[in-house]
Amino acid sequence: MGSASKIIGLDELPDQLEASRAAGNTVVLCHGVFDLLHVGHIRHFESAKRLGEVLVVTITPDRHVNKGPNRPAFAEELRAEAVAALDCVDYVAINKWPTAVETLHLIRPHIYVKGAEYRDLDNDVTGGIRLEIEAAEAVGARVAFTDDVAFSSSNLLNRFMPVLAEEARLFLADFATRHSFKDIARYFDRMRKLKVLVVGETIIDEYQYCQAIGKSSKAPTVVAKVENSERFAGGIIAVANHLSAFCDTVTVLSQLGSRNSHEEFVRSQLVEGVSPILLQRAGSPTIVKRRFIESYFFTPMLELYEINDESLSPEDDAELCETLKSQLARHDLVVVVDYGHSMITEDAISILCRESAFLAMNAQANAGNRGYHRLSKYQRADYICAAEQEMLFEAHDWRGDLHPVVVDVAERLTCPRVTVTCGKRGALCYNLEDGFVEVPAFALQVVDRVGAGDAFLAATAPLALLGAPLDLTGFVGNVAGAELVASVGHRRHLQRESFAKHIQTLLS
């Protein structure tokens, strides 16, 4: 049988296998990504074939490969072609689902074979292997593990086809001598038990994609044709959604406008596990930040704010403060992102600083508050996560050395841990005991930087509470940032299983 003829549609497999079953042949199934076909895979398939007469291999489709940005290295068609070229393989199909669970029910093999590295279910970060074993048992299939020497496609790709900058590769090699994936996974397990309150403004991020036509013939005006649009629940809603990847109990406290509230949309965007407390701000709209983007180059052309940034009314301020007082004692971690659009008043800040069990904070600089909104509005914090420009605003010197500014802010706010995100240069992490640690960026493709800082804060605030090492905290934060900048706006949020798999791949 030629290799091309071995590749068939998944739905065709049951009929193709029927004759083999009728002849009494044993059908064996292997499933995986098989991103870089190597000797470990070949031995695995040969061992599997010795268990029966017909070997079927199903390939994880590109859209379900969760090993981080730029993976898989080879498209699903190429991966299927490479596997089909092996004499020991009889049929190859590209799967439809993230795991082999549905495939097992569809094909109903006699034996389901995994590699030796999957014997230890403690390494099953996504839980998929457990579900596959249960599905195999449900259809009467025996589960077998091959015992050949294991090779890692991720390790080979990282070593011989590296996509990260040399600085990042050197950091990872050194980092892996101090921290294993199991060390990080243990922190993730502890993070799940934390009860988190997230406080800040809801912002609707709207993207209007345009085609630039040119200059108006009668005025110095750029003219563009709108093509399509999309919108996301951003601001504190995005932070809460990211946190739900790490913590099982997340409550978000925010304000919507009494008019143009977008409340139905906001609620629909909250992921499972996030409980909303949505107050109303009288006479105001919910904040909308509308970005006009030249679609071909993804170049921002103009940004419009729909906002009321006047001072909060005494009544709305009192309601916010009373709600804070009723909620703070119920939560282990309080994450505040102060976007500077007047929701979080001086009274609210005093309550947050005084009554939070552990306060993680960012006071964000943006076009609506640039130069007027500072971290030092807060009297104290347990963890500060800020962008470089937000930190330098504290010194009124954007050309200055960042290190003494960080120390000064930490001392003035009695804050033992500070992280500064520095874009493509990674992150600068500081605490009183260890001083400074620099962690490089891991982003491979930057599509849109909106929301990367929110994801970094969400991923690192629970680690700060748990006292995780600085380099580990910065590493996890930069992985979160890398996942966000690879997509548009808040089109996606961090997800526990794929995030853990991304980290495991980097450390392979």
Protein backbone atom coordinates (compact mmCIF):
# COMPACT_ATOMS: atom_id res chain seq x y z
CA MET A 1 0.00 0.00 0.00
CA GLY A 2 1.46 3.39 -0.99
CA SER A 3 1.89 5.99 1.74
CA ALA A 4 -0.60 8.42 0.17
CA SER A 5 -3.33 5.76 0.05
CA LYS A 6 -2.89 5.10 3.79
CA ILE A 7 -4.16 8.59 4.67
CA ILE A 8 -7.94 8.53 4.85
CA GLY A 9 -10.70 10.54 6.44
CA LEU A 10 -11.46 9.80 10.08
CA ASP A 11 -15.11 8.98 9.31
CA GLU A 12 -14.00 6.40 6.72
CA LEU A 13 -11.93 4.39 9.21
CA PRO A 14 -14.71 2.25 10.74
CA ASP A 15 -15.74 0.92 7.31
CA GLN A 16 -12.12 0.37 6.27
CA LEU A 17 -11.47 -1.65 9.41
CA GLU A 18 -14.59 -3.79 9.18
CA ALA A 19 -13.04 -6.36 6.86
CA SER A 20 -9.99 -6.68 9.11
CA ARG A 21 -12.20 -7.29 12.11
CA ALA A 22 -14.21 -9.89 10.21
CA ALA A 23 -10.98 -11.70 9.36
CA GLY A 24 -10.11 -11.85 13.06
CA ASN A 25 -7.32 -9.29 12.90
CA THR A 26 -6.42 -7.24 15.95
CA VAL A 27 -6.76 -3.47 15.42
CA VAL A 28 -4.22 -1.32 17.28
CA LEU A 29 -4.53 2.47 17.68
CA CYS A 30 -1.83 5.06 18.40
CA HIS A 31 -2.64 8.75 18.77
CA GLY A 32 -0.56 11.88 19.19
CA VAL A 33 0.91 15.07 17.73
CA PHE A 34 4.07 13.51 16.22
CA ASP A 35 5.35 16.96 15.36
CA LEU A 36 8.90 15.94 14.54
CA LEU A 37 9.00 12.29 13.50
CA HIS A 38 12.02 10.69 15.18
CA VAL A 39 13.45 7.29 16.17
CA GLY A 40 11.38 7.24 19.37
CA HIS A 41 8.16 7.44 17.32
CA ILE A 42 9.37 4.77 14.90
CA ARG A 43 10.16 2.34 17.73
CA HIS A 44 6.82 3.18 19.35
CA PHE A 45 4.91 2.35 16.16
CA GLU A 46 6.90 -0.82 15.52
CA SER A 47 6.23 -2.03 19.07
CA ALA A 48 2.53 -1.23 18.68
CA LYS A 49 2.33 -3.13 15.39
CA ARG A 50 3.76 -6.25 17.04
CA LEU A 51 0.67 -6.30 19.28
CA GLY A 52 -1.72 -6.85 16.37
CA GLU A 53 -2.20 -7.03 12.62
CA VAL A 54 -3.55 -3.57 11.75
CA LEU A 55 -1.98 -0.35 13.07
CA VAL A 56 -3.98 2.87 12.89
CA VAL A 57 -2.39 6.21 13.79
CA THR A 58 -4.47 9.33 14.36
CA ILE A 59 -2.88 12.78 14.32
CA THR A 60 -3.83 15.70 16.58
CA PRO A 61 -5.03 18.50 14.27
CA ASP A 62 -3.15 21.81 14.21
CA ARG A 63 -5.95 23.72 15.96
CA HIS A 64 -5.76 21.44 19.02
CA VAL A 65 -1.98 21.31 19.48
CA ASN A 66 -1.43 23.10 22.80
CA LYS A 67 2.34 23.28 23.07
CA GLY A 68 2.56 27.07 22.89
CA PRO A 69 2.86 29.61 20.05
CA ASN A 70 4.46 28.42 16.80
CA ARG A 71 3.57 24.81 17.46
CA PRO A 72 3.12 22.52 15.72
CA ALA A 73 6.29 23.08 13.74
CA PHE A 74 4.84 20.96 10.93
CA ALA A 75 1.27 21.21 9.62
CA GLU A 76 -1.11 18.31 10.15
CA GLU A 77 -0.94 17.18 6.50
CA LEU A 78 2.86 16.95 6.65
CA ARG A 79 2.78 15.10 9.96
CA ALA A 80 0.27 12.60 8.53
CA GLU A 81 2.39 12.11 5.40
CA ALA A 82 5.52 11.42 7.45
CA VAL A 83 3.79 8.79 9.60
CA ALA A 84 2.16 7.15 6.58
CA ALA A 85 5.58 6.63 5.02
CA LEU A 86 6.41 4.03 7.70
CA ASP A 87 5.93 0.40 6.61
CA CYS A 88 4.54 -0.63 9.99
CA VAL A 89 1.63 1.83 9.77
CA ASP A 90 -1.51 0.72 7.90
CA TYR A 91 -3.83 3.72 8.20
CA VAL A 92 -3.39 7.38 9.14
CA ALA A 93 -6.16 9.90 9.84
CA ILE A 94 -6.23 13.45 11.14
CA ASN A 95 -8.31 13.64 14.29
CA LYS A 96 -11.18 16.11 14.80
CA TRP A 97 -10.92 16.54 18.56
CA PRO A 98 -8.28 17.58 21.13
CA THR A 99 -7.87 14.02 22.47
CA ALA A 100 -8.47 10.46 21.32
CA VAL A 101 -11.58 10.01 23.51
CA GLU A 102 -14.13 10.41 20.71
CA THR A 103 -11.83 8.59 18.27
CA LEU A 104 -11.71 5.53 20.54
CA HIS A 105 -15.50 5.38 20.55
CA LEU A 106 -15.55 5.79 16.76
CA ILE A 107 -12.86 3.23 15.86
CA ARG A 108 -13.26 0.84 18.81
CA PRO A 109 -9.77 -0.70 18.54
CA HIS A 110 -8.75 -3.88 20.32
CA ILE A 111 -5.63 -2.24 21.80
CA TYR A 112 -4.80 1.42 22.51
CA VAL A 113 -1.06 2.09 22.78
CA LYS A 114 0.73 5.01 24.46
CA GLY A 115 4.41 5.70 25.00
CA ALA A 116 6.27 4.82 28.18
CA GLU A 117 6.34 8.48 29.28
CA TYR A 118 2.55 8.36 29.79
CA ARG A 119 2.64 5.59 32.41
CA ASP A 120 3.03 8.19 35.16
CA LEU A 121 -0.31 10.00 35.21
CA ASP A 122 1.24 12.72 37.40
CA ASN A 123 2.74 14.03 34.15
CA ASP A 124 -0.72 14.26 32.57
CA VAL A 125 -1.11 18.03 32.92
CA THR A 126 -4.25 18.26 30.78
CA GLY A 127 -6.04 15.20 32.18
CA GLY A 128 -6.47 13.93 28.62
CA ILE A 129 -4.61 10.64 29.13
CA ARG A 130 -6.86 9.66 32.04
CA LEU A 131 -9.93 10.33 29.89
CA GLU A 132 -8.48 8.32 27.00
CA ILE A 133 -7.78 5.35 29.27
CA GLU A 134 -11.36 5.50 30.55
CA ALA A 135 -12.67 5.67 26.96
CA ALA A 136 -10.52 2.70 25.90
CA GLU A 137 -11.82 0.62 28.79
CA ALA A 138 -15.39 1.67 27.96
CA VAL A 139 -15.11 0.25 24.41
CA GLY A 140 -13.35 -2.90 25.61
CA ALA A 141 -9.87 -1.96 24.39
CA ARG A 142 -6.74 -3.00 26.25
CA VAL A 143 -4.36 -0.14 27.10
CA ALA A 144 -0.69 -0.91 26.48
CA PHE A 145 2.48 1.11 26.97
CA THR A 146 5.59 0.68 24.84
CA ASP A 147 8.88 0.38 26.69
CA ASP A 148 11.36 1.83 24.21
CA VAL A 149 13.64 4.72 25.11
CA ALA A 150 11.53 7.89 25.02
CA PHE A 151 12.51 10.86 22.91
CA SER A 152 10.80 14.24 23.07
CA SER A 153 9.82 16.11 19.89
CA SER A 154 9.71 19.30 21.95
CA ASN A 155 13.22 18.71 23.27
CA LEU A 156 14.58 18.01 19.78
CA LEU A 157 12.84 21.05 18.32
CA ASN A 158 14.09 23.26 21.15
CA ARG A 159 17.66 22.01 20.66
CA PHE A 160 17.99 21.74 16.89
CA MET A 161 15.27 24.00 15.48
CA PRO A 162 15.16 26.79 18.09
CA VAL A 163 12.79 29.68 17.58
CA LEU A 164 13.55 31.59 20.78
CA ALA A 165 16.31 34.18 21.01
CA GLU A 166 19.63 33.01 22.42
CA GLU A 167 19.07 35.00 25.63
CA ALA A 168 15.80 33.14 26.25
CA ARG A 169 17.37 29.75 25.48
CA LEU A 170 20.24 30.37 27.89
CA PHE A 171 17.80 31.49 30.59
CA LEU A 172 15.65 28.37 30.13
CA ALA A 173 18.66 26.05 30.30
CA ASP A 174 19.76 27.64 33.57
CA PHE A 175 16.20 27.90 34.92
CA ALA A 176 15.60 24.18 34.35
CA THR A 177 18.50 23.33 36.67
CA ARG A 178 16.61 25.00 39.54
CA HIS A 179 12.95 24.42 38.74
CA SER A 180 11.28 21.38 37.18
CA PHE A 181 7.85 21.36 35.61
CA LYS A 182 6.60 19.41 38.64
CA ASP A 183 7.79 22.27 40.89
CA ILE A 184 5.71 24.74 38.91
CA ALA A 185 2.75 22.35 38.78
CA ARG A 186 2.78 22.17 42.58
CA TYR A 187 2.42 25.94 42.74
CA PHE A 188 -0.45 25.73 40.26
CA ASP A 189 -2.17 23.17 42.51
CA ARG A 190 -1.86 25.53 45.48
CA MET A 191 -3.12 28.47 43.43
CA ARG A 192 -6.36 26.66 42.67
CA LYS A 193 -7.46 26.86 46.31
CA LEU A 194 -7.10 30.63 46.60
CA LYS A 195 -10.19 32.82 46.80
CA VAL A 196 -9.61 35.91 44.66
CA LEU A 197 -11.39 39.25 44.47
CA VAL A 198 -10.66 41.29 41.34
CA VAL A 199 -11.47 45.01 41.37
CA GLY A 200 -11.44 47.52 38.54
CA GLU A 201 -13.23 49.07 35.58
CA THR A 202 -14.94 47.06 32.86
CA ILE A 203 -13.77 48.16 29.42
CA ILE A 204 -15.29 47.05 26.13
CA ASP A 205 -12.50 46.85 23.57
CA GLU A 206 -13.92 47.28 20.09
CA TYR A 207 -11.85 46.77 16.95
CA GLN A 208 -13.06 48.37 13.71
CA TYR A 209 -11.06 46.91 10.84
CA CYS A 210 -10.68 49.29 7.92
CA GLN A 211 -9.18 49.56 4.48
CA ALA A 212 -7.37 52.85 3.98
CA ILE A 213 -8.68 54.54 0.82
CA GLY A 214 -6.57 57.68 0.87
CA LYS A 215 -6.84 61.40 1.49
CA SER A 216 -10.05 63.29 0.97
CA SER A 217 -9.90 65.43 -2.18
CA LYS A 218 -11.31 68.49 -0.38
CA ALA A 219 -9.80 68.32 3.09
CA PRO A 220 -6.65 67.01 4.84
CA THR A 221 -8.59 63.98 6.05
CA VAL A 222 -7.61 60.30 5.91
CA VAL A 223 -10.48 58.24 4.51
CA ALA A 224 -10.99 54.55 5.25
CA LYS A 225 -13.64 51.97 4.45
CA VAL A 226 -14.89 49.86 7.35
CA GLU A 227 -14.67 46.13 6.60
CA ASN A 228 -15.71 44.34 9.79
CA SER A 229 -15.49 44.62 13.57
CA GLU A 230 -15.19 42.58 16.74
CA ARG A 231 -15.41 43.40 20.41
CA PHE A 232 -14.08 41.92 23.61
CA ALA A 233 -14.79 42.27 27.31
CA GLY A 234 -11.56 43.88 28.45
CA GLY A 235 -10.33 45.72 31.49
CA ILE A 236 -10.97 43.93 34.75
CA ILE A 237 -13.22 41.33 33.08
CA ALA A 238 -10.23 40.07 31.11
CA VAL A 239 -8.11 39.93 34.28
CA ALA A 240 -10.79 37.87 36.04
CA ASN A 241 -11.04 35.47 33.10
CA HIS A 242 -7.27 34.99 33.09
CA LEU A 243 -7.24 34.35 36.84
CA SER A 244 -9.86 31.64 36.46
CA ALA A 245 -7.19 29.57 34.69
CA PHE A 246 -5.30 29.37 37.98
CA CYS A 247 -7.82 29.88 40.80
CA ASP A 248 -11.13 28.05 41.14
CA THR A 249 -12.88 30.86 43.05
CA VAL A 250 -12.77 34.30 41.39
CA THR A 251 -15.12 37.21 42.12
CA VAL A 252 -14.99 40.34 39.96
CA LEU A 253 -16.19 43.67 41.36
CA SER A 254 -16.73 46.31 38.71
CA GLN A 255 -18.95 49.14 37.53
CA LEU A 256 -21.06 49.34 34.41
CA GLY A 257 -22.81 52.42 33.12
CA SER A 258 -26.46 53.02 33.84
CA ARG A 259 -26.87 53.69 30.10
CA ASN A 260 -25.28 51.76 27.24
CA SER A 261 -24.31 49.26 29.91
CA HIS A 262 -23.54 46.29 27.61
CA GLU A 263 -24.38 44.18 30.66
CA GLU A 264 -25.72 41.20 28.73
CA PHE A 265 -22.56 41.11 26.61
CA VAL A 266 -20.28 41.46 29.65
CA ARG A 267 -21.98 38.64 31.51
CA SER A 268 -21.82 36.42 28.42
CA GLN A 269 -18.04 36.90 28.27
CA LEU A 270 -17.34 35.75 31.83
CA VAL A 271 -15.88 32.26 31.93
CA GLU A 272 -17.09 29.52 34.23
CA GLY A 273 -15.88 30.04 37.78
CA VAL A 274 -16.01 33.86 37.72
CA SER A 275 -18.75 35.41 39.86
CA PRO A 276 -19.68 39.01 38.97
CA ILE A 277 -20.64 41.87 41.26
CA LEU A 278 -21.57 44.57 38.75
CA LEU A 279 -22.46 47.95 40.21
CA GLN A 280 -24.03 50.76 38.20
CA ARG A 281 -22.53 54.19 37.68
CA ALA A 282 -25.35 56.72 37.36
CA GLY A 283 -25.56 58.83 34.22
CA SER A 284 -22.58 57.14 32.58
CA PRO A 285 -21.94 54.62 29.82
CA THR A 286 -19.89 51.50 30.27
CA ILE A 287 -16.42 52.38 29.00
CA VAL A 288 -15.85 51.54 25.33
CA LYS A 289 -12.45 51.95 23.69
CA ARG A 290 -12.96 51.82 19.96
CA ARG A 291 -9.85 51.20 17.86
CA PHE A 292 -9.78 51.75 14.09
CA ILE A 293 -7.27 49.32 12.60
CA GLU A 294 -5.92 49.25 9.05
CA SER A 295 -6.62 45.57 8.47
CA TYR A 296 -3.89 44.59 5.99
CA PHE A 297 -0.96 45.74 8.13
CA PHE A 298 -2.88 45.67 11.45
CA THR A 299 -1.85 49.30 11.97
CA PRO A 300 -3.82 51.45 14.47
CA MET A 301 -5.26 54.55 12.82
CA LEU A 302 -7.37 56.15 15.56
CA GLU A 303 -8.78 55.36 18.99
CA LEU A 304 -12.01 56.78 20.43
CA TYR A 305 -13.14 56.53 24.06
CA GLU A 306 -16.78 56.40 25.09
CA ILE A 307 -16.37 57.32 28.74
CA ASN A 308 -17.34 59.50 31.67
CA ASP A 309 -14.12 60.16 33.60
CA GLU A 310 -15.54 62.80 35.93
CA SER A 311 -15.34 62.14 39.66
CA LEU A 312 -17.55 59.40 41.00
CA SER A 313 -20.74 60.61 42.66
CA PRO A 314 -20.87 60.35 46.49
CA GLU A 315 -23.67 57.79 46.19
CA ASP A 316 -21.78 55.56 43.78
CA ASP A 317 -18.60 55.92 45.84
CA ALA A 318 -20.44 54.90 49.01
CA GLU A 319 -21.92 51.83 47.29
CA LEU A 320 -18.48 50.76 46.04
CA CYS A 321 -16.89 51.23 49.46
CA GLU A 322 -19.62 49.30 51.26
CA THR A 323 -19.32 46.46 48.76
CA LEU A 324 -15.54 46.36 49.27
CA LYS A 325 -15.96 46.20 53.03
CA SER A 326 -18.34 43.26 52.70
CA GLN A 327 -16.09 41.33 50.30
CA LEU A 328 -12.46 41.86 51.29
CA ALA A 329 -12.42 39.63 54.36
CA ARG A 330 -13.80 36.72 52.33
CA HIS A 331 -10.85 36.56 49.94
CA ASP A 332 -7.22 35.48 50.24
CA LEU A 333 -6.02 37.62 47.36
CA VAL A 334 -7.24 40.99 46.11
CA VAL A 335 -6.12 42.01 42.61
CA VAL A 336 -6.72 45.66 41.75
CA VAL A 337 -6.19 47.09 38.29
CA ASP A 338 -6.79 50.81 38.52
CA TYR A 339 -7.27 52.00 34.94
CA GLY A 340 -7.53 55.58 36.14
CA HIS A 341 -11.03 56.31 34.87
CA SER A 342 -12.29 57.42 38.33
CA MET A 343 -14.03 54.27 39.57
CA ILE A 344 -11.52 53.66 42.36
CA THR A 345 -11.67 56.71 44.63
CA GLU A 346 -9.44 57.79 47.53
CA ASP A 347 -11.90 56.25 49.98
CA ALA A 348 -11.90 52.97 48.08
CA ILE A 349 -8.09 52.98 47.96
CA SER A 350 -7.89 53.47 51.71
CA ILE A 351 -10.21 50.51 52.30
CA LEU A 352 -8.28 48.31 49.86
CA CYS A 353 -4.94 49.14 51.45
CA ARG A 354 -6.20 48.71 54.97
CA GLU A 355 -8.41 45.63 54.72
CA SER A 356 -7.01 43.42 51.94
CA ALA A 357 -5.37 40.24 53.22
CA PHE A 358 -2.93 40.37 50.27
CA LEU A 359 -3.10 43.27 47.82
CA ALA A 360 -1.72 42.90 44.28
CA MET A 361 -1.99 46.13 42.36
CA ASN A 362 -1.41 47.99 39.14
CA ALA A 363 -2.26 51.62 38.38
CA GLN A 364 -2.29 51.63 34.59
CA ALA A 365 -1.14 54.49 32.38
CA ASN A 366 -3.17 55.14 29.24
CA ALA A 367 -4.20 58.02 26.99
CA GLY A 368 -6.96 59.03 29.38
CA ASN A 369 -4.72 59.54 32.43
CA ARG A 370 -1.12 59.81 31.21
CA GLY A 371 0.99 61.75 33.67
CA TYR A 372 -1.78 62.10 36.26
CA HIS A 373 -2.23 58.54 37.48
CA ARG A 374 0.45 57.03 39.67
CA LEU A 375 1.17 53.89 41.65
CA SER A 376 1.88 55.99 44.71
CA LYS A 377 -1.83 56.84 45.02
CA TYR A 378 -1.84 53.63 47.05
CA GLN A 379 -0.42 53.75 50.57
CA ARG A 380 0.75 50.14 50.56
CA ALA A 381 0.68 46.94 48.52
CA ASP A 382 1.93 43.38 48.89
CA TYR A 383 2.73 43.01 45.20
CA ILE A 384 3.03 45.59 42.43
CA CYS A 385 3.07 44.63 38.77
CA ALA A 386 3.55 47.59 36.46
CA ALA A 387 4.77 48.41 32.97
CA GLU A 388 8.09 50.19 32.62
CA GLN A 389 6.55 53.56 31.75
CA GLU A 390 4.18 53.31 34.70
CA MET A 391 7.13 52.79 37.02
CA LEU A 392 9.18 55.63 35.47
CA PHE A 393 6.28 58.05 35.91
CA GLU A 394 7.01 57.77 39.62
CA ALA A 395 10.45 59.28 39.03
CA HIS A 396 9.31 61.91 36.49
CA ASP A 397 12.27 60.77 34.38
CA TRP A 398 11.56 58.40 31.52
CA ARG A 399 15.26 58.20 30.62
CA GLY A 400 16.39 57.23 34.12
CA ASP A 401 17.66 53.94 35.55
CA LEU A 402 14.73 51.71 36.44
CA HIS A 403 16.40 49.92 39.36
CA PRO A 404 16.50 52.77 41.93
CA VAL A 405 12.93 53.72 40.98
CA VAL A 406 11.73 50.21 41.78
CA VAL A 407 13.52 50.24 45.15
CA ASP A 408 12.08 53.66 45.96
CA VAL A 409 8.51 52.61 45.10
CA ALA A 410 8.88 49.39 47.10
CA GLU A 411 10.03 51.35 50.15
CA ARG A 412 7.39 54.10 49.90
CA LEU A 413 4.53 51.63 49.48
CA THR A 414 6.00 49.12 51.95
CA CYS A 415 5.77 46.59 49.14
CA PRO A 416 8.04 43.52 49.40
CA ARG A 417 7.64 42.36 45.77
CA VAL A 418 7.64 44.35 42.53
CA THR A 419 7.63 43.21 38.91
CA VAL A 420 8.14 45.56 35.98
CA THR A 421 7.17 44.40 32.49
CA CYS A 422 9.55 45.75 29.85
CA GLY A 423 8.05 44.60 26.55
CA LYS A 424 10.45 42.73 24.29
CA ARG A 425 13.13 42.98 27.00
CA GLY A 426 11.09 40.74 29.31
CA ALA A 427 10.54 41.49 32.99
CA LEU A 428 12.50 42.92 35.91
CA CYS A 429 11.58 41.24 39.20
CA TYR A 430 12.49 42.51 42.67
CA ASN A 431 12.04 41.58 46.28
CA LEU A 432 13.68 42.74 49.49
CA GLU A 433 15.54 39.48 50.15
CA ASP A 434 16.95 38.63 46.71
CA GLY A 435 17.24 41.99 44.95
CA PHE A 436 16.74 41.97 41.17
CA VAL A 437 16.19 39.13 38.71
CA GLU A 438 15.78 39.70 34.97
CA VAL A 439 13.66 37.29 32.92
CA PRO A 440 13.71 37.46 29.10
CA ALA A 441 10.61 37.56 26.93
CA PHE A 442 9.37 34.38 25.25
CA ALA A 443 7.08 35.94 22.64
CA LEU A 444 7.72 34.65 19.13
CA GLN A 445 5.08 36.66 17.31
CA VAL A 446 3.61 39.98 18.42
CA VAL A 447 0.20 40.59 16.85
CA ASP A 448 -1.27 42.95 19.45
CA ARG A 449 0.13 44.07 22.81
CA VAL A 450 -3.26 45.01 24.28
CA GLY A 451 -3.96 42.95 27.40
CA ALA A 452 -0.51 41.40 27.82
CA GLY A 453 0.09 43.24 31.10
CA ASP A 454 -3.28 42.11 32.44
CA ALA A 455 -2.40 38.50 31.70
CA PHE A 456 1.02 38.90 33.34
CA LEU A 457 -0.53 40.28 36.52
CA ALA A 458 -3.18 37.55 36.63
CA ALA A 459 -0.58 34.80 36.29
CA THR A 460 1.87 36.21 38.83
CA ALA A 461 -0.27 37.68 41.62
CA PRO A 462 -1.16 34.25 43.11
CA LEU A 463 2.50 33.22 42.88
CA ALA A 464 3.51 36.38 44.75
CA LEU A 465 1.07 35.51 47.56
CA LEU A 466 2.52 31.99 47.74
CA GLY A 467 6.08 33.34 47.96
CA ALA A 468 7.27 31.73 44.72
CA PRO A 469 10.89 32.43 43.69
CA LEU A 470 11.42 35.58 41.63
CA ASP A 471 12.70 33.82 38.53
CA LEU A 472 9.77 31.38 38.58
CA THR A 473 7.28 34.22 38.95
CA GLY A 474 8.82 36.19 36.08
CA PHE A 475 9.00 33.08 33.90
CA VAL A 476 5.30 32.25 34.37
CA GLY A 477 4.35 35.89 33.78
CA ASN A 478 6.31 36.12 30.56
CA VAL A 479 4.77 32.89 29.27
CA ALA A 480 1.34 34.44 29.92
CA GLY A 481 2.36 37.59 28.08
CA ALA A 482 3.67 35.55 25.14
CA GLU A 483 0.32 33.79 24.79
CA LEU A 484 -1.62 37.07 24.75
CA VAL A 485 0.49 39.06 22.28
CA ALA A 486 0.15 36.23 19.75
CA SER A 487 -3.56 37.05 19.39
CA VAL A 488 -5.75 40.13 18.94
CA GLY A 489 -6.93 42.00 22.01
CA HIS A 490 -8.84 39.79 24.42
CA ARG A 491 -9.87 37.32 21.74
CA ARG A 492 -8.60 34.56 24.01
CA HIS A 493 -7.95 34.16 27.72
CA LEU A 494 -5.44 31.95 29.50
CA GLN A 495 -6.51 28.34 29.92
CA ARG A 496 -5.12 26.09 32.62
CA GLU A 497 -4.31 22.98 30.59
CA SER A 498 -2.83 24.62 27.50
CA PHE A 499 -0.86 27.08 29.62
CA ALA A 500 0.67 24.23 31.64
CA LYS A 501 1.48 22.38 28.41
CA HIS A 502 3.18 25.51 27.01
CA ILE A 503 5.40 25.66 30.10
CA GLN A 504 6.16 21.95 29.91
CA THR A 505 7.17 22.37 26.26
CA LEU A 506 9.52 25.26 27.04
CA LEU A 507 11.22 23.21 29.74
CA SER A 508 11.59 20.08 27.58
